[in-house]
Amino acid sequence: MSAPPRRLELHLSYACGQRCAFCSESGRMARWRRSPPRGEEVAAVLLERRRAGFDHVTFTGGEPSAHPLLPAALAAARRLGYATYLTTNGGRFAEEEYARRVLPRVDELCLSVHGPDAAVHDACAGTPGSFARAMKALENVRRHGREVFLLTNTVVTRRNWESLADTLGLLRSRPEVRHCLVSNAAPEGRAARAYRDLAVPLGAWRERVPALARPFAGGGTALRFFGLPLCALGGRRELSNDAHFSPRVTVERRSVGGRPALRGFLSRDAGRGRRRPAACRSCAARGECAGVFDRYLKLFGDAELAPAEAR
């Protein structure tokens, strides 16, 4: 029997100042923007789940710093004994006073950086000035969040694919960045509508991953990839985020009896709309890989898959 989940993911905000081409939450944000979680709802979820043994909480969104409740929610989680994790595009952490006040309540922070410069990043985020805000947030983490474990997330589409090595070079040059996550765009929300034009071919990933990973070898910054089958990573299990996934409960806004409420659901694996097609049946790494996005298979097929042979 598997151990019960101890990680909680709480969608705190349904607002965001950016319009990322790959946004997976655009539909939910449009629906619930006018019904953000209330303080008493968040407090009840944190207490209930802590009593159930949860000890790690991720505040996400939307952009969580867009909700005025975030500082109090972080403080409440800390008092209850949670380790706190925050995903952000920079948001209000680009403001030095806000960063100075709030970062001491954060244990881990994941900052979205989608390009090596404003031209690429702002185009991906659909928002002028977003790169400058992300860089200012990064600087504020260095100055005011010295105890924060800083990660970055780069969501990859054809729009920033050619500059990915430069993006990772920028992040690797910053000593405060401890972990770089490279995310293959998921066909959800806004990305689902343009997925044919956004998706980077699996074969292109397989060709480029060795060169992307080489500068990280032996260094102090970890590199992981989300949303890719193991064969697209050349079989390198240490690079796959699938191998580091732990079960979690996601709590988000849902309609219950026609009224907005916070409800949770369990994620047992890293699948998120991925599956293993018939071509994967002979793969020796089948049990370690969540497969390929179903939407990708429907659009492009499975010819690029390269099942691993048994050793």
Protein backbone atom coordinates (compact mmCIF):
# COMPACT_ATOMS: atom_id res chain seq x y z
CA MET A 1 0.00 0.00 0.00
CA SER A 2 1.38 3.42 -0.99
CA ALA A 3 1.94 6.05 1.67
CA PRO A 4 -0.79 8.71 2.01
CA PRO A 5 -0.02 12.04 0.28
CA ARG A 6 1.60 14.78 2.36
CA ARG A 7 1.77 17.51 -0.30
CA LEU A 8 -1.06 20.01 -0.72
CA GLU A 9 -1.45 22.26 -3.77
CA LEU A 10 -3.80 25.18 -3.17
CA HIS A 11 -5.02 27.41 -6.01
CA LEU A 12 -5.15 30.69 -4.15
CA SER A 13 -5.67 33.12 -7.01
CA TYR A 14 -7.63 33.20 -10.26
CA ALA A 15 -6.10 36.45 -11.46
CA CYS A 16 -2.90 37.06 -13.41
CA GLY A 17 -1.32 40.10 -15.04
CA GLN A 18 0.08 38.07 -17.95
CA ARG A 19 -1.40 36.36 -21.00
CA CYS A 20 0.97 33.46 -21.60
CA ALA A 21 0.36 31.64 -24.88
CA PHE A 22 0.71 28.31 -23.07
CA CYS A 23 -1.40 29.14 -19.98
CA SER A 24 -3.04 25.96 -18.68
CA GLU A 25 -5.27 27.85 -16.24
CA SER A 26 -6.92 30.37 -18.59
CA GLY A 27 -10.33 28.67 -18.53
CA ARG A 28 -10.47 28.34 -14.74
CA MET A 29 -9.27 31.91 -14.28
CA ALA A 30 -11.99 33.23 -16.59
CA ARG A 31 -14.63 31.29 -14.67
CA TRP A 32 -13.54 32.06 -11.11
CA ARG A 33 -11.86 35.47 -11.35
CA ARG A 34 -14.78 37.06 -9.50
CA SER A 35 -14.87 34.35 -6.81
CA PRO A 36 -11.38 34.22 -5.26
CA PRO A 37 -10.99 32.00 -2.18
CA ARG A 38 -11.92 33.72 1.06
CA GLY A 39 -9.72 33.78 4.13
CA GLU A 40 -11.95 31.45 6.14
CA GLU A 41 -11.98 28.91 3.29
CA VAL A 42 -8.20 28.87 3.02
CA ALA A 43 -7.78 28.63 6.80
CA ALA A 44 -10.19 25.68 6.95
CA VAL A 45 -8.37 23.80 4.18
CA LEU A 46 -4.96 24.35 5.77
CA LEU A 47 -6.16 23.17 9.18
CA GLU A 48 -8.09 20.17 7.87
CA ARG A 49 -5.23 18.91 5.72
CA ARG A 50 -2.61 19.52 8.40
CA ARG A 51 -4.64 17.38 10.81
CA ALA A 52 -4.70 14.72 8.08
CA GLY A 53 -0.88 14.64 8.01
CA PHE A 54 -0.05 17.06 5.19
CA ASP A 55 3.16 19.00 5.83
CA HIS A 56 3.95 20.76 2.54
CA VAL A 57 1.75 23.33 0.79
CA THR A 58 2.14 24.94 -2.63
CA PHE A 59 0.31 28.21 -3.21
CA THR A 60 -0.37 28.65 -6.90
CA GLY A 61 -2.87 30.24 -9.26
CA GLY A 62 -3.19 32.26 -11.45
CA GLU A 63 -0.60 34.49 -9.88
CA PRO A 64 -0.80 33.95 -6.11
CA SER A 65 0.68 37.35 -5.25
CA ALA A 66 -2.31 38.92 -7.04
CA HIS A 67 -4.45 37.82 -4.07
CA PRO A 68 -4.12 40.12 -1.03
CA LEU A 69 -4.54 37.05 1.16
CA LEU A 70 -1.17 35.52 0.23
CA PRO A 71 0.97 36.97 3.08
CA ALA A 72 -1.57 35.87 5.71
CA ALA A 73 -1.98 32.44 4.10
CA LEU A 74 1.79 31.90 4.13
CA ALA A 75 1.99 32.96 7.78
CA ALA A 76 -0.90 30.67 8.76
CA ALA A 77 0.68 27.73 6.95
CA ARG A 78 3.98 28.31 8.71
CA ARG A 79 2.25 28.45 12.14
CA LEU A 80 0.60 25.10 11.39
CA GLY A 81 3.93 23.51 10.56
CA TYR A 82 3.81 23.42 6.78
CA ALA A 83 6.80 23.89 4.53
CA THR A 84 5.68 26.58 2.07
CA TYR A 85 6.19 26.58 -1.70
CA LEU A 86 5.11 29.34 -4.05
CA THR A 87 4.84 29.53 -7.85
CA THR A 88 5.04 33.02 -9.34
CA ASN A 89 5.73 34.91 -12.56
CA GLY A 90 7.37 37.61 -10.43
CA GLY A 91 4.14 39.43 -9.68
CA ARG A 92 4.41 41.64 -6.63
CA PHE A 93 7.80 40.14 -5.73
CA ALA A 94 9.20 42.64 -8.18
CA GLU A 95 8.27 45.23 -5.52
CA GLU A 96 11.09 45.41 -3.01
CA GLU A 97 8.94 46.23 0.03
CA TYR A 98 6.54 43.36 -0.70
CA ALA A 99 9.41 40.95 -1.28
CA ARG A 100 11.15 42.03 1.93
CA ARG A 101 7.97 41.50 3.94
CA VAL A 102 6.74 38.24 2.40
CA LEU A 103 9.80 36.21 1.39
CA PRO A 104 10.74 35.28 4.99
CA ARG A 105 7.49 33.25 5.04
CA VAL A 106 8.48 31.21 1.96
CA ASP A 107 10.61 28.07 2.04
CA GLU A 108 10.66 27.35 -1.70
CA LEU A 109 9.83 29.64 -4.61
CA CYS A 110 9.48 28.75 -8.29
CA LEU A 111 9.90 31.72 -10.63
CA SER A 112 8.76 31.55 -14.27
CA VAL A 113 11.42 32.62 -16.78
CA HIS A 114 10.60 31.84 -20.41
CA GLY A 115 13.39 33.52 -22.31
CA PRO A 116 16.90 34.96 -22.00
CA ASP A 117 15.75 38.51 -22.71
CA ALA A 118 12.70 40.73 -22.88
CA ALA A 119 12.08 40.08 -26.57
CA VAL A 120 11.57 36.34 -26.11
CA HIS A 121 10.13 36.22 -22.61
CA ASP A 122 7.63 39.05 -23.11
CA ALA A 123 6.41 37.50 -26.36
CA CYS A 124 5.79 34.17 -24.61
CA ALA A 125 4.10 35.86 -21.66
CA GLY A 126 2.04 38.12 -23.92
CA THR A 127 2.92 41.02 -21.64
CA PRO A 128 5.44 43.85 -22.17
CA GLY A 129 7.65 44.36 -19.13
CA SER A 130 7.17 40.85 -17.75
CA PHE A 131 10.85 39.90 -18.19
CA ALA A 132 11.98 42.99 -16.31
CA ARG A 133 9.60 42.13 -13.46
CA ALA A 134 10.85 38.54 -13.32
CA MET A 135 14.46 39.72 -13.16
CA LYS A 136 13.60 42.23 -10.45
CA ALA A 137 11.84 39.47 -8.49
CA LEU A 138 14.92 37.28 -8.88
CA GLU A 139 17.08 40.09 -7.54
CA ASN A 140 14.72 40.61 -4.61
CA VAL A 141 14.90 36.91 -3.75
CA ARG A 142 18.69 37.23 -3.67
CA ARG A 143 18.47 40.25 -1.36
CA HIS A 144 15.57 39.36 0.91
CA GLY A 145 15.05 35.59 0.58
CA ARG A 146 18.43 34.17 1.49
CA GLU A 147 16.78 31.15 3.14
CA VAL A 148 14.52 30.52 0.13
CA PHE A 149 15.25 27.53 -2.09
CA LEU A 150 14.85 29.13 -5.52
CA LEU A 151 13.68 27.16 -8.55
CA THR A 152 12.81 28.39 -12.02
CA ASN A 153 10.32 27.07 -14.56
CA THR A 154 10.69 27.59 -18.29
CA VAL A 155 7.69 26.48 -20.35
CA VAL A 156 8.87 25.59 -23.85
CA THR A 157 7.03 26.13 -27.11
CA ARG A 158 8.26 26.73 -30.64
CA ARG A 159 8.36 30.44 -29.75
CA ASN A 160 11.26 30.07 -27.30
CA TRP A 161 12.73 26.73 -28.37
CA GLU A 162 15.70 28.16 -30.29
CA SER A 163 16.71 30.34 -27.34
CA LEU A 164 16.32 27.65 -24.66
CA ALA A 165 20.05 27.10 -24.21
CA ASP A 166 20.53 30.84 -23.69
CA THR A 167 17.68 30.92 -21.17
CA LEU A 168 19.25 28.10 -19.18
CA GLY A 169 22.64 29.80 -19.44
CA LEU A 170 21.17 32.96 -17.91
CA LEU A 171 19.62 31.01 -15.05
CA ARG A 172 22.69 28.89 -14.44
CA SER A 173 24.76 32.08 -14.14
CA ARG A 174 22.70 33.17 -11.13
CA PRO A 175 24.07 31.46 -7.99
CA GLU A 176 20.75 31.90 -6.15
CA VAL A 177 19.01 29.59 -8.66
CA ARG A 178 19.25 26.07 -7.30
CA HIS A 179 17.03 24.12 -9.66
CA CYS A 180 15.87 24.65 -13.28
CA LEU A 181 12.71 22.97 -14.48
CA VAL A 182 12.10 22.84 -18.23
CA SER A 183 8.43 22.17 -18.94
CA ASN A 184 7.09 20.86 -22.21
CA ALA A 185 3.92 22.90 -22.79
CA ALA A 186 0.82 20.99 -21.69
CA PRO A 187 -2.21 21.06 -24.06
CA GLU A 188 -4.51 22.66 -21.53
CA GLY A 189 -6.31 25.99 -21.30
CA ARG A 190 -5.09 28.56 -23.82
CA ALA A 191 -2.37 26.18 -25.04
CA ALA A 192 -4.93 23.58 -26.10
CA ARG A 193 -6.34 25.86 -28.79
CA ALA A 194 -2.96 26.51 -30.45
CA TYR A 195 -1.19 23.29 -29.52
CA ARG A 196 -0.39 22.25 -33.10
CA ASP A 197 1.63 25.46 -33.53
CA LEU A 198 3.15 25.45 -30.03
CA ALA A 199 4.31 21.84 -29.58
CA VAL A 200 8.02 21.12 -30.07
CA PRO A 201 8.52 17.72 -31.79
CA LEU A 202 9.73 14.91 -29.54
CA GLY A 203 12.52 14.16 -31.98
CA ALA A 204 13.84 17.70 -31.60
CA TRP A 205 13.91 17.27 -27.83
CA ARG A 206 15.86 14.01 -28.15
CA GLU A 207 18.49 15.68 -30.33
CA ARG A 208 18.97 18.72 -28.10
CA VAL A 209 18.65 17.41 -24.52
CA PRO A 210 22.29 16.17 -24.26
CA ALA A 211 23.65 19.62 -25.13
CA LEU A 212 21.18 21.33 -22.79
CA ALA A 213 22.13 19.03 -19.91
CA ARG A 214 25.90 19.05 -20.39
CA PRO A 215 26.62 22.43 -18.71
CA PHE A 216 24.73 21.28 -15.59
CA ALA A 217 26.89 18.19 -15.06
CA GLY A 218 28.72 18.39 -11.76
CA GLY A 219 27.42 21.86 -11.03
CA GLY A 220 25.38 23.14 -8.14
CA THR A 221 22.19 23.66 -10.16
CA ALA A 222 19.83 20.76 -10.84
CA LEU A 223 18.09 20.32 -14.21
CA ARG A 224 14.79 18.49 -14.68
CA PHE A 225 12.31 18.12 -17.56
CA PHE A 226 8.53 17.89 -17.20
CA GLY A 227 6.02 16.52 -19.71
CA LEU A 228 8.39 14.43 -21.81
CA PRO A 229 8.62 10.66 -22.25
CA LEU A 230 11.85 9.13 -21.05
CA CYS A 231 12.93 8.28 -24.59
CA ALA A 232 12.86 11.99 -25.52
CA LEU A 233 15.45 12.47 -22.76
CA GLY A 234 17.68 9.78 -24.19
CA GLY A 235 16.69 7.45 -21.38
CA ARG A 236 18.30 9.66 -18.75
CA ARG A 237 16.12 8.97 -15.75
CA GLU A 238 17.87 11.55 -13.58
CA LEU A 239 16.60 14.31 -15.87
CA SER A 240 12.94 13.26 -15.79
CA ASN A 241 10.66 15.04 -13.36
CA ASP A 242 8.47 11.92 -13.43
CA ALA A 243 11.02 10.19 -11.21
CA HIS A 244 10.73 12.94 -8.59
CA PHE A 245 6.94 13.24 -8.46
CA SER A 246 5.16 12.59 -5.18
CA PRO A 247 1.37 12.16 -4.76
CA ARG A 248 -0.49 15.33 -3.87
CA VAL A 249 -3.95 16.74 -3.32
CA THR A 250 -4.87 19.77 -5.39
CA VAL A 251 -7.52 22.06 -3.91
CA GLU A 252 -9.17 24.46 -6.32
CA ARG A 253 -12.37 26.34 -6.98
CA ARG A 254 -15.25 24.09 -8.09
CA SER A 255 -19.01 24.50 -8.37
CA VAL A 256 -20.86 22.58 -5.63
CA GLY A 257 -24.63 22.80 -5.72
CA GLY A 258 -24.33 25.79 -8.03
CA ARG A 259 -22.11 27.70 -5.58
CA PRO A 260 -18.32 28.22 -5.59
CA ALA A 261 -16.43 26.03 -3.14
CA LEU A 262 -12.92 24.72 -2.60
CA ARG A 263 -12.65 21.02 -3.38
CA GLY A 264 -9.68 18.68 -3.59
CA PHE A 265 -8.65 15.82 -5.85
CA LEU A 266 -5.76 13.40 -5.64
CA SER A 267 -2.97 13.19 -8.21
CA ARG A 268 -1.18 9.87 -7.82
CA ASP A 269 1.30 10.27 -10.69
CA ALA A 270 2.85 12.81 -13.05
CA GLY A 271 0.57 11.93 -15.97
CA ARG A 272 -1.47 15.12 -16.42
CA GLY A 273 -3.09 14.07 -19.68
CA ARG A 274 -0.24 11.83 -20.79
CA ARG A 275 -0.47 8.16 -21.75
CA ARG A 276 1.64 5.32 -23.07
CA PRO A 277 0.47 4.25 -26.54
CA ALA A 278 0.89 0.83 -28.13
CA ALA A 279 4.41 1.75 -29.27
CA CYS A 280 5.45 1.86 -25.60
CA ARG A 281 4.38 -1.70 -24.76
CA SER A 282 7.82 -3.15 -25.42
CA CYS A 283 9.70 -0.34 -23.66
CA ALA A 284 11.90 -1.49 -20.81
CA ALA A 285 11.34 1.85 -19.05
CA ARG A 286 7.54 1.70 -19.33
CA GLY A 287 7.00 1.60 -15.56
CA GLU A 288 9.14 4.71 -15.00
CA CYS A 289 7.58 6.97 -17.63
CA ALA A 290 4.21 8.75 -17.73
CA GLY A 291 4.22 8.77 -21.52
CA VAL A 292 3.16 11.39 -24.05
CA PHE A 293 0.43 14.00 -24.00
CA ASP A 294 -2.66 12.46 -25.55
CA ARG A 295 -3.24 15.59 -27.64
CA TYR A 296 0.27 15.29 -29.09
CA LEU A 297 -0.37 11.69 -30.13
CA LYS A 298 -3.64 12.63 -31.81
CA LEU A 299 -1.99 15.43 -33.79
CA PHE A 300 1.43 13.95 -34.57
CA GLY A 301 1.27 10.22 -33.90
CA ASP A 302 3.85 8.01 -32.17
CA ALA A 303 6.53 7.61 -34.84
CA GLU A 304 9.04 9.67 -32.84
CA LEU A 305 8.94 7.37 -29.82
CA ALA A 306 11.98 5.18 -29.25
CA PRO A 307 11.18 2.35 -26.80
CA ALA A 308 14.14 1.33 -24.66
CA GLU A 309 15.41 -2.22 -25.00
CA ALA A 310 15.72 -4.46 -21.95
CA ARG A 311 19.25 -4.60 -20.57
